[in-house]
Full PDB file with SEQRES, HELIX, SHEET, SSBOND, CRYST1, ORIGX, SCALE, CONECT and MASTER records, all heavy atoms in Angstrom:
SEQRES   1 A   35  ARG ASP THR ALA VAL ILE GLY MET ARG GLN ARG ASP VAL          
SEQRES   2 A   35  TYR GLU GLU LEU ALA PHE LEU GLY GLY ALA GLU HIS ASP          
SEQRES   3 A   35  ILE GLY MET GLY LEU LYS LEU GLY LEU                          
HELIX    1 AA1 ASP A    2  ILE A    6  1                                   5    
HELIX    2 AA2 GLN A   10  LEU A   17  1                                   8    
HELIX    3 AA3 ALA A   23  GLY A   34  1                                  12    
CRYST1    1.000    1.000    1.000  90.00  90.00  90.00 P 1           1          
ORIGX1      1.000000  0.000000  0.000000        0.00000                         
ORIGX2      0.000000  1.000000  0.000000        0.00000                         
ORIGX3      0.000000  0.000000  1.000000        0.00000                         
SCALE1      1.000000  0.000000  0.000000        0.00000                         
SCALE2      0.000000  1.000000  0.000000        0.00000                         
SCALE3      0.000000  0.000000  1.000000        0.00000                         
ATOM      1  N   ARG A   1       0.834  -1.211   0.000  1.00  0.00           N  
ATOM      2  CA  ARG A   1       0.000   0.000   0.000  1.00  0.00           C  
ATOM      3  C   ARG A   1       0.863   1.254   0.000  1.00  0.00           C  
ATOM      4  O   ARG A   1       0.645   2.192  -0.781  1.00  0.00           O  
ATOM      5  CB  ARG A   1      -0.903  -0.007   1.221  1.00  0.00           C  
ATOM      6  CG  ARG A   1      -1.799   1.233   1.354  1.00  0.00           C  
ATOM      7  CD  ARG A   1      -2.226   1.414   2.806  1.00  0.00           C  
ATOM      8  NE  ARG A   1      -1.063   1.652   3.657  1.00  0.00           N  
ATOM      9  CZ  ARG A   1      -1.025   1.330   4.955  1.00  0.00           C  
ATOM     10  NH1 ARG A   1      -2.056   0.749   5.536  1.00  0.00           N  
ATOM     11  NH2 ARG A   1       0.060   1.580   5.673  1.00  0.00           N  
ATOM     12  N   ASP A   2       1.865   1.270   0.868  1.00  0.00           N  
ATOM     13  CA  ASP A   2       2.721   2.455   0.962  1.00  0.00           C  
ATOM     14  C   ASP A   2       3.528   2.660  -0.308  1.00  0.00           C  
ATOM     15  O   ASP A   2       3.749   3.800  -0.736  1.00  0.00           O  
ATOM     16  CB  ASP A   2       3.658   2.329   2.162  1.00  0.00           C  
ATOM     17  CG  ASP A   2       2.903   2.373   3.478  1.00  0.00           C  
ATOM     18  OD1 ASP A   2       1.801   2.951   3.501  1.00  0.00           O  
ATOM     19  OD2 ASP A   2       3.412   1.825   4.472  1.00  0.00           O  
ATOM     20  N   THR A   3       3.960   1.557  -0.923  1.00  0.00           N  
ATOM     21  CA  THR A   3       4.694   1.670  -2.179  1.00  0.00           C  
ATOM     22  C   THR A   3       3.813   2.273  -3.264  1.00  0.00           C  
ATOM     23  O   THR A   3       4.248   3.119  -4.055  1.00  0.00           O  
ATOM     24  CB  THR A   3       5.204   0.299  -2.638  1.00  0.00           C  
ATOM     25  OG1 THR A   3       6.071  -0.239  -1.635  1.00  0.00           O  
ATOM     26  CG2 THR A   3       5.978   0.411  -3.949  1.00  0.00           C  
ATOM     27  N   ALA A   4       2.542   1.845  -3.300  1.00  0.00           N  
ATOM     28  CA  ALA A   4       1.614   2.396  -4.293  1.00  0.00           C  
ATOM     29  C   ALA A   4       1.367   3.880  -4.059  1.00  0.00           C  
ATOM     30  O   ALA A   4       1.321   4.678  -4.992  1.00  0.00           O  
ATOM     31  CB  ALA A   4       0.297   1.630  -4.244  1.00  0.00           C  
ATOM     32  N   VAL A   5       1.243   4.246  -2.790  1.00  0.00           N  
ATOM     33  CA  VAL A   5       1.004   5.655  -2.471  1.00  0.00           C  
ATOM     34  C   VAL A   5       2.210   6.501  -2.853  1.00  0.00           C  
ATOM     35  O   VAL A   5       2.081   7.589  -3.428  1.00  0.00           O  
ATOM     36  CB  VAL A   5       0.684   5.809  -0.969  1.00  0.00           C  
ATOM     37  CG1 VAL A   5       0.665   7.284  -0.577  1.00  0.00           C  
ATOM     38  CG2 VAL A   5      -0.653   5.160  -0.640  1.00  0.00           C  
ATOM     39  N   ILE A   6       3.400   5.995  -2.545  1.00  0.00           N  
ATOM     40  CA  ILE A   6       4.621   6.738  -2.858  1.00  0.00           C  
ATOM     41  C   ILE A   6       4.759   6.931  -4.359  1.00  0.00           C  
ATOM     42  O   ILE A   6       5.250   7.958  -4.836  1.00  0.00           O  
ATOM     43  CB  ILE A   6       5.853   6.001  -2.297  1.00  0.00           C  
ATOM     44  CG1 ILE A   6       5.800   6.016  -0.771  1.00  0.00           C  
ATOM     45  CG2 ILE A   6       7.145   6.649  -2.780  1.00  0.00           C  
ATOM     46  CD1 ILE A   6       6.783   5.086  -0.125  1.00  0.00           C  
ATOM     47  N   GLY A   7       4.292   5.955  -5.123  1.00  0.00           N  
ATOM     48  CA  GLY A   7       4.426   6.025  -6.569  1.00  0.00           C  
ATOM     49  C   GLY A   7       3.464   6.997  -7.231  1.00  0.00           C  
ATOM     50  O   GLY A   7       3.580   7.267  -8.433  1.00  0.00           O  
ATOM     51  N   MET A   8       2.512   7.509  -6.483  1.00  0.00           N  
ATOM     52  CA  MET A   8       1.546   8.457  -7.047  1.00  0.00           C  
ATOM     53  C   MET A   8       2.055   9.891  -6.926  1.00  0.00           C  
ATOM     54  O   MET A   8       2.751  10.233  -5.974  1.00  0.00           O  
ATOM     55  CB  MET A   8       0.207   8.353  -6.305  1.00  0.00           C  
ATOM     56  CG  MET A   8      -0.475   7.022  -6.456  1.00  0.00           C  
ATOM     57  SD  MET A   8      -2.037   7.002  -5.537  1.00  0.00           S  
ATOM     58  CE  MET A   8      -2.589   5.332  -5.860  1.00  0.00           C  
ATOM     59  N   ARG A   9       1.693  10.705  -7.862  1.00  0.00           N  
ATOM     60  CA  ARG A   9       2.025  12.122  -7.776  1.00  0.00           C  
ATOM     61  C   ARG A   9       0.929  12.838  -7.000  1.00  0.00           C  
ATOM     62  O   ARG A   9      -0.273  12.661  -7.262  1.00  0.00           O  
ATOM     63  CB  ARG A   9       2.158  12.730  -9.165  1.00  0.00           C  
ATOM     64  CG  ARG A   9       3.315  12.165  -9.968  1.00  0.00           C  
ATOM     65  CD  ARG A   9       3.552  12.993 -11.210  1.00  0.00           C  
ATOM     66  NE  ARG A   9       2.334  13.135 -12.013  1.00  0.00           N  
ATOM     67  CZ  ARG A   9       2.234  13.989 -13.026  1.00  0.00           C  
ATOM     68  NH1 ARG A   9       3.251  14.764 -13.344  1.00  0.00           N  
ATOM     69  NH2 ARG A   9       1.107  14.058 -13.731  1.00  0.00           N  
ATOM     70  N   GLN A  10       1.314  13.641  -6.051  1.00  0.00           N  
ATOM     71  CA  GLN A  10       0.321  14.342  -5.235  1.00  0.00           C  
ATOM     72  C   GLN A  10      -0.604  15.198  -6.101  1.00  0.00           C  
ATOM     73  O   GLN A  10      -1.796  15.299  -5.831  1.00  0.00           O  
ATOM     74  CB  GLN A  10       1.020  15.210  -4.192  1.00  0.00           C  
ATOM     75  CG  GLN A  10       1.776  14.410  -3.139  1.00  0.00           C  
ATOM     76  CD  GLN A  10       2.197  15.267  -1.962  1.00  0.00           C  
ATOM     77  OE1 GLN A  10       1.519  16.228  -1.617  1.00  0.00           O  
ATOM     78  NE2 GLN A  10       3.304  14.922  -1.339  1.00  0.00           N  
ATOM     79  N   ARG A  11      -0.080  15.832  -7.131  1.00  0.00           N  
ATOM     80  CA  ARG A  11      -0.902  16.685  -7.988  1.00  0.00           C  
ATOM     81  C   ARG A  11      -2.056  15.889  -8.597  1.00  0.00           C  
ATOM     82  O   ARG A  11      -3.189  16.365  -8.671  1.00  0.00           O  
ATOM     83  CB  ARG A  11      -0.053  17.304  -9.095  1.00  0.00           C  
ATOM     84  CG  ARG A  11      -0.860  18.236 -10.010  1.00  0.00           C  
ATOM     85  CD  ARG A  11      -0.043  18.642 -11.234  1.00  0.00           C  
ATOM     86  NE  ARG A  11       1.193  19.303 -10.852  1.00  0.00           N  
ATOM     87  CZ  ARG A  11       2.116  19.664 -11.742  1.00  0.00           C  
ATOM     88  NH1 ARG A  11       1.925  19.427 -13.036  1.00  0.00           N  
ATOM     89  NH2 ARG A  11       3.219  20.272 -11.340  1.00  0.00           N  
ATOM     90  N   ASP A  12      -1.764  14.627  -9.031  1.00  0.00           N  
ATOM     91  CA  ASP A  12      -2.811  13.804  -9.632  1.00  0.00           C  
ATOM     92  C   ASP A  12      -3.920  13.518  -8.627  1.00  0.00           C  
ATOM     93  O   ASP A  12      -5.115  13.530  -8.969  1.00  0.00           O  
ATOM     94  CB  ASP A  12      -2.222  12.485 -10.143  1.00  0.00           C  
ATOM     95  CG  ASP A  12      -1.269  12.703 -11.315  1.00  0.00           C  
ATOM     96  OD1 ASP A  12      -1.349  13.779 -11.936  1.00  0.00           O  
ATOM     97  OD2 ASP A  12      -0.457  11.814 -11.588  1.00  0.00           O  
ATOM     98  N   VAL A  13      -3.522  13.237  -7.374  1.00  0.00           N  
ATOM     99  CA  VAL A  13      -4.523  12.935  -6.343  1.00  0.00           C  
ATOM    100  C   VAL A  13      -5.387  14.161  -6.075  1.00  0.00           C  
ATOM    101  O   VAL A  13      -6.613  14.070  -5.982  1.00  0.00           O  
ATOM    102  CB  VAL A  13      -3.824  12.469  -5.052  1.00  0.00           C  
ATOM    103  CG1 VAL A  13      -4.861  12.256  -3.945  1.00  0.00           C  
ATOM    104  CG2 VAL A  13      -3.047  11.188  -5.301  1.00  0.00           C  
ATOM    105  N   TYR A  14      -4.769  15.326  -5.945  1.00  0.00           N  
ATOM    106  CA  TYR A  14      -5.526  16.542  -5.661  1.00  0.00           C  
ATOM    107  C   TYR A  14      -6.500  16.862  -6.794  1.00  0.00           C  
ATOM    108  O   TYR A  14      -7.632  17.311  -6.562  1.00  0.00           O  
ATOM    109  CB  TYR A  14      -4.568  17.716  -5.447  1.00  0.00           C  
ATOM    110  CG  TYR A  14      -3.664  17.557  -4.248  1.00  0.00           C  
ATOM    111  CD1 TYR A  14      -2.429  18.209  -4.186  1.00  0.00           C  
ATOM    112  CD2 TYR A  14      -4.042  16.769  -3.160  1.00  0.00           C  
ATOM    113  CE1 TYR A  14      -1.594  18.065  -3.086  1.00  0.00           C  
ATOM    114  CE2 TYR A  14      -3.208  16.616  -2.064  1.00  0.00           C  
ATOM    115  CZ  TYR A  14      -1.990  17.260  -2.035  1.00  0.00           C  
ATOM    116  OH  TYR A  14      -1.180  17.128  -0.957  1.00  0.00           O  
ATOM    117  N   GLU A  15      -6.080  16.652  -8.049  1.00  0.00           N  
ATOM    118  CA  GLU A  15      -6.956  16.916  -9.186  1.00  0.00           C  
ATOM    119  C   GLU A  15      -8.157  15.982  -9.193  1.00  0.00           C  
ATOM    120  O   GLU A  15      -9.279  16.373  -9.515  1.00  0.00           O  
ATOM    121  CB  GLU A  15      -6.172  16.783 -10.485  1.00  0.00           C  
ATOM    122  CG  GLU A  15      -5.152  17.905 -10.704  1.00  0.00           C  
ATOM    123  CD  GLU A  15      -4.328  17.705 -11.964  1.00  0.00           C  
ATOM    124  OE1 GLU A  15      -4.463  16.614 -12.577  1.00  0.00           O  
ATOM    125  OE2 GLU A  15      -3.553  18.610 -12.332  1.00  0.00           O  
ATOM    126  N   GLU A  16      -7.932  14.729  -8.811  1.00  0.00           N  
ATOM    127  CA  GLU A  16      -9.025  13.764  -8.787  1.00  0.00           C  
ATOM    128  C   GLU A  16     -10.033  14.094  -7.688  1.00  0.00           C  
ATOM    129  O   GLU A  16     -11.222  13.802  -7.813  1.00  0.00           O  
ATOM    130  CB  GLU A  16      -8.480  12.350  -8.584  1.00  0.00           C  
ATOM    131  CG  GLU A  16      -7.774  11.770  -9.798  1.00  0.00           C  
ATOM    132  CD  GLU A  16      -8.725  11.625 -10.978  1.00  0.00           C  
ATOM    133  OE1 GLU A  16      -9.905  11.278 -10.755  1.00  0.00           O  
ATOM    134  OE2 GLU A  16      -8.301  11.874 -12.115  1.00  0.00           O  
ATOM    135  N   LEU A  17      -9.590  14.676  -6.591  1.00  0.00           N  
ATOM    136  CA  LEU A  17     -10.494  14.990  -5.487  1.00  0.00           C  
ATOM    137  C   LEU A  17     -11.633  15.913  -5.941  1.00  0.00           C  
ATOM    138  O   LEU A  17     -12.749  15.844  -5.432  1.00  0.00           O  
ATOM    139  CB  LEU A  17      -9.719  15.659  -4.340  1.00  0.00           C  
ATOM    140  CG  LEU A  17      -8.865  14.731  -3.473  1.00  0.00           C  
ATOM    141  CD1 LEU A  17      -8.071  15.547  -2.463  1.00  0.00           C  
ATOM    142  CD2 LEU A  17      -9.744  13.729  -2.738  1.00  0.00           C  
ATOM    143  N   ALA A  18     -11.332  16.780  -6.900  1.00  0.00           N  
ATOM    144  CA  ALA A  18     -12.349  17.736  -7.362  1.00  0.00           C  
ATOM    145  C   ALA A  18     -13.504  17.046  -8.066  1.00  0.00           C  
ATOM    146  O   ALA A  18     -14.607  17.606  -8.166  1.00  0.00           O  
ATOM    147  CB  ALA A  18     -11.695  18.757  -8.298  1.00  0.00           C  
ATOM    148  N   PHE A  19     -13.280  15.815  -8.542  1.00  0.00           N  
ATOM    149  CA  PHE A  19     -14.328  15.107  -9.305  1.00  0.00           C  
ATOM    150  C   PHE A  19     -14.994  14.010  -8.480  1.00  0.00           C  
ATOM    151  O   PHE A  19     -15.873  13.312  -8.975  1.00  0.00           O  
ATOM    152  CB  PHE A  19     -13.714  14.484 -10.561  1.00  0.00           C  
ATOM    153  CG  PHE A  19     -13.139  15.500 -11.499  1.00  0.00           C  
ATOM    154  CD1 PHE A  19     -11.785  15.788 -11.490  1.00  0.00           C  
ATOM    155  CD2 PHE A  19     -13.957  16.198 -12.392  1.00  0.00           C  
ATOM    156  CE1 PHE A  19     -11.254  16.735 -12.357  1.00  0.00           C  
ATOM    157  CE2 PHE A  19     -13.422  17.141 -13.251  1.00  0.00           C  
ATOM    158  CZ  PHE A  19     -12.065  17.417 -13.240  1.00  0.00           C  
ATOM    159  N   LEU A  20     -14.595  13.837  -7.226  1.00  0.00           N  
ATOM    160  CA  LEU A  20     -15.166  12.788  -6.394  1.00  0.00           C  
ATOM    161  C   LEU A  20     -16.250  13.361  -5.500  1.00  0.00           C  
ATOM    162  O   LEU A  20     -16.232  14.540  -5.130  1.00  0.00           O  
ATOM    163  CB  LEU A  20     -14.073  12.154  -5.520  1.00  0.00           C  
ATOM    164  CG  LEU A  20     -12.926  11.458  -6.261  1.00  0.00           C  
ATOM    165  CD1 LEU A  20     -11.909  10.920  -5.261  1.00  0.00           C  
ATOM    166  CD2 LEU A  20     -13.444  10.332  -7.137  1.00  0.00           C  
ATOM    167  N   GLY A  21     -17.191  12.501  -5.127  1.00  0.00           N  
ATOM    168  CA  GLY A  21     -18.260  12.949  -4.241  1.00  0.00           C  
ATOM    169  C   GLY A  21     -18.575  11.903  -3.203  1.00  0.00           C  
ATOM    170  O   GLY A  21     -18.353  10.715  -3.399  1.00  0.00           O  
ATOM    171  N   GLY A  22     -19.147  12.323  -2.078  1.00  0.00           N  
ATOM    172  CA  GLY A  22     -19.587  11.409  -1.043  1.00  0.00           C  
ATOM    173  C   GLY A  22     -18.473  10.562  -0.481  1.00  0.00           C  
ATOM    174  O   GLY A  22     -17.394  11.038  -0.119  1.00  0.00           O  
ATOM    175  N   ALA A  23     -18.769   9.244  -0.405  1.00  0.00           N  
ATOM    176  CA  ALA A  23     -17.810   8.305   0.181  1.00  0.00           C  
ATOM    177  C   ALA A  23     -16.508   8.287  -0.607  1.00  0.00           C  
ATOM    178  O   ALA A  23     -15.428   8.137  -0.037  1.00  0.00           O  
ATOM    179  CB  ALA A  23     -18.419   6.902   0.229  1.00  0.00           C  
ATOM    180  N   GLU A  24     -16.628   8.424  -1.939  1.00  0.00           N  
ATOM    181  CA  GLU A  24     -15.417   8.409  -2.751  1.00  0.00           C  
ATOM    182  C   GLU A  24     -14.494   9.559  -2.372  1.00  0.00           C  
ATOM    183  O   GLU A  24     -13.279   9.438  -2.356  1.00  0.00           O  
ATOM    184  CB  GLU A  24     -15.782   8.496  -4.235  1.00  0.00           C  
ATOM    185  CG  GLU A  24     -16.466   7.249  -4.764  1.00  0.00           C  
ATOM    186  CD  GLU A  24     -16.822   7.405  -6.230  1.00  0.00           C  
ATOM    187  OE1 GLU A  24     -16.933   8.552  -6.693  1.00  0.00           O  
ATOM    188  OE2 GLU A  24     -16.962   6.375  -6.901  1.00  0.00           O  
ATOM    189  N   HIS A  25     -15.097  10.719  -2.058  1.00  0.00           N  
ATOM    190  CA  HIS A  25     -14.292  11.870  -1.662  1.00  0.00           C  
ATOM    191  C   HIS A  25     -13.564  11.592  -0.348  1.00  0.00           C  
ATOM    192  O   HIS A  25     -12.406  11.989  -0.144  1.00  0.00           O  
ATOM    193  CB  HIS A  25     -15.167  13.109  -1.524  1.00  0.00           C  
ATOM    194  CG  HIS A  25     -14.392  14.363  -1.244  1.00  0.00           C  
ATOM    195  ND1 HIS A  25     -14.069  14.753   0.033  1.00  0.00           N  
ATOM    196  CD2 HIS A  25     -13.854  15.286  -2.090  1.00  0.00           C  
ATOM    197  CE1 HIS A  25     -13.362  15.872  -0.015  1.00  0.00           C  
ATOM    198  NE2 HIS A  25     -13.228  16.226  -1.289  1.00  0.00           N  
ATOM    199  N   ASP A  26     -14.266  10.902   0.574  1.00  0.00           N  
ATOM    200  CA  ASP A  26     -13.639  10.556   1.853  1.00  0.00           C  
ATOM    201  C   ASP A  26     -12.427   9.648   1.623  1.00  0.00           C  
ATOM    202  O   ASP A  26     -11.385   9.805   2.257  1.00  0.00           O  
ATOM    203  CB  ASP A  26     -14.642   9.862   2.778  1.00  0.00           C  
ATOM    204  CG  ASP A  26     -15.765  10.805   3.202  1.00  0.00           C  
ATOM    205  OD1 ASP A  26     -15.534  12.032   3.145  1.00  0.00           O  
ATOM    206  OD2 ASP A  26     -16.840  10.309   3.579  1.00  0.00           O  
ATOM    207  N   ILE A  27     -12.578   8.678   0.704  1.00  0.00           N  
ATOM    208  CA  ILE A  27     -11.468   7.785   0.394  1.00  0.00           C  
ATOM    209  C   ILE A  27     -10.303   8.590  -0.199  1.00  0.00           C  
ATOM    210  O   ILE A  27      -9.147   8.404   0.143  1.00  0.00           O  
ATOM    211  CB  ILE A  27     -11.903   6.684  -0.587  1.00  0.00           C  
ATOM    212  CG1 ILE A  27     -12.937   5.770   0.096  1.00  0.00           C  
ATOM    213  CG2 ILE A  27     -10.711   5.865  -1.061  1.00  0.00           C  
ATOM    214  CD1 ILE A  27     -13.543   4.747  -0.833  1.00  0.00           C  
ATOM    215  N   GLY A  28     -10.657   9.520  -1.094  1.00  0.00           N  
ATOM    216  CA  GLY A  28      -9.619  10.350  -1.705  1.00  0.00           C  
ATOM    217  C   GLY A  28      -8.892  11.200  -0.687  1.00  0.00           C  
ATOM    218  O   GLY A  28      -7.677  11.382  -0.751  1.00  0.00           O  
ATOM    219  N   MET A  29      -9.639  11.745   0.285  1.00  0.00           N  
ATOM    220  CA  MET A  29      -9.010  12.545   1.328  1.00  0.00           C  
ATOM    221  C   MET A  29      -8.076  11.690   2.171  1.00  0.00           C  
ATOM    222  O   MET A  29      -7.008  12.132   2.590  1.00  0.00           O  
ATOM    223  CB  MET A  29     -10.076  13.181   2.219  1.00  0.00           C  
ATOM    224  CG  MET A  29     -10.803  14.346   1.560  1.00  0.00           C  
ATOM    225  SD  MET A  29      -9.679  15.687   1.110  1.00  0.00           S  
ATOM    226  CE  MET A  29      -9.103  16.194   2.745  1.00  0.00           C  
ATOM    227  N   GLY A  30      -8.491  10.433   2.404  1.00  0.00           N  
ATOM    228  CA  GLY A  30      -7.624   9.526   3.146  1.00  0.00           C  
ATOM    229  C   GLY A  30      -6.311   9.288   2.413  1.00  0.00           C  
ATOM    230  O   GLY A  30      -5.231   9.250   3.013  1.00  0.00           O  
ATOM    231  N   LEU A  31      -6.403   9.134   1.096  1.00  0.00           N  
ATOM    232  CA  LEU A  31      -5.201   8.941   0.289  1.00  0.00           C  
ATOM    233  C   LEU A  31      -4.331  10.195   0.329  1.00  0.00           C  
ATOM    234  O   LEU A  31      -3.103  10.126   0.416  1.00  0.00           O  
ATOM    235  CB  LEU A  31      -5.587   8.612  -1.151  1.00  0.00           C  
ATOM    236  CG  LEU A  31      -4.437   8.340  -2.132  1.00  0.00           C  
ATOM    237  CD1 LEU A  31      -3.543   7.234  -1.611  1.00  0.00           C  
ATOM    238  CD2 LEU A  31      -4.998   7.989  -3.499  1.00  0.00           C  
ATOM    239  N   LYS A  32      -4.974  11.368   0.279  1.00  0.00           N  
ATOM    240  CA  LYS A  32      -4.237  12.633   0.347  1.00  0.00           C  
ATOM    241  C   LYS A  32      -3.466  12.722   1.666  1.00  0.00           C  
ATOM    242  O   LYS A  32      -2.281  13.083   1.709  1.00  0.00           O  
ATOM    243  CB  LYS A  32      -5.209  13.808   0.230  1.00  0.00           C  
ATOM    244  CG  LYS A  32      -4.582  15.178   0.472  1.00  0.00           C  
ATOM    245  CD  LYS A  32      -5.644  16.255   0.365  1.00  0.00           C  
ATOM    246  CE  LYS A  32      -5.049  17.642   0.669  1.00  0.00           C  
ATOM    247  NZ  LYS A  32      -4.631  17.758   2.064  1.00  0.00           N  
ATOM    248  N   LEU A  33      -4.137  12.370   2.758  1.00  0.00           N  
ATOM    249  CA  LEU A  33      -3.468  12.399   4.049  1.00  0.00           C  
ATOM    250  C   LEU A  33      -2.337  11.375   4.100  1.00  0.00           C  
ATOM    251  O   LEU A  33      -1.295  11.623   4.701  1.00  0.00           O  
ATOM    252  CB  LEU A  33      -4.480  12.122   5.172  1.00  0.00           C  
ATOM    253  CG  LEU A  33      -5.556  13.193   5.375  1.00  0.00           C  
ATOM    254  CD1 LEU A  33      -6.574  12.719   6.411  1.00  0.00           C  
ATOM    255  CD2 LEU A  33      -4.909  14.501   5.817  1.00  0.00           C  
ATOM    256  N   GLY A  34      -2.566  10.239   3.441  1.00  0.00           N  
ATOM    257  CA  GLY A  34      -1.518   9.221   3.407  1.00  0.00           C  
ATOM    258  C   GLY A  34      -0.272   9.723   2.718  1.00  0.00           C  
ATOM    259  O   GLY A  34       0.860   9.453   3.132  1.00  0.00           O  
ATOM    260  N   LEU A  35      -0.472  10.478   1.629  1.00  0.00           N  
ATOM    261  CA  LEU A  35       0.664  11.029   0.904  1.00  0.00           C  
ATOM    262  C   LEU A  35       1.453  12.002   1.766  1.00  0.00           C  
ATOM    263  O   LEU A  35       2.661  12.176   1.586  1.00  0.00           O  
ATOM    264  CB  LEU A  35       0.190  11.743  -0.364  1.00  0.00           C  
ATOM    265  CG  LEU A  35      -0.152  10.847  -1.555  1.00  0.00           C  
ATOM    266  CD1 LEU A  35      -0.913  11.644  -2.592  1.00  0.00           C  
ATOM    267  CD2 LEU A  35       1.115  10.267  -2.156  1.00  0.00           C  
TER     268      LEU A  35                                                      
MASTER        0    0    0    3    0    0    0    6  267    1    0    3          
END                                                                             
């Protein structure tokens, strides 16, 4: 899990958050905090 998170670019995660809603947004925020 940590390897996958490290391999992501923070900018990509932040951009995706704008298109997520509800529970999906919560998951995205969790990933953002993980980064």
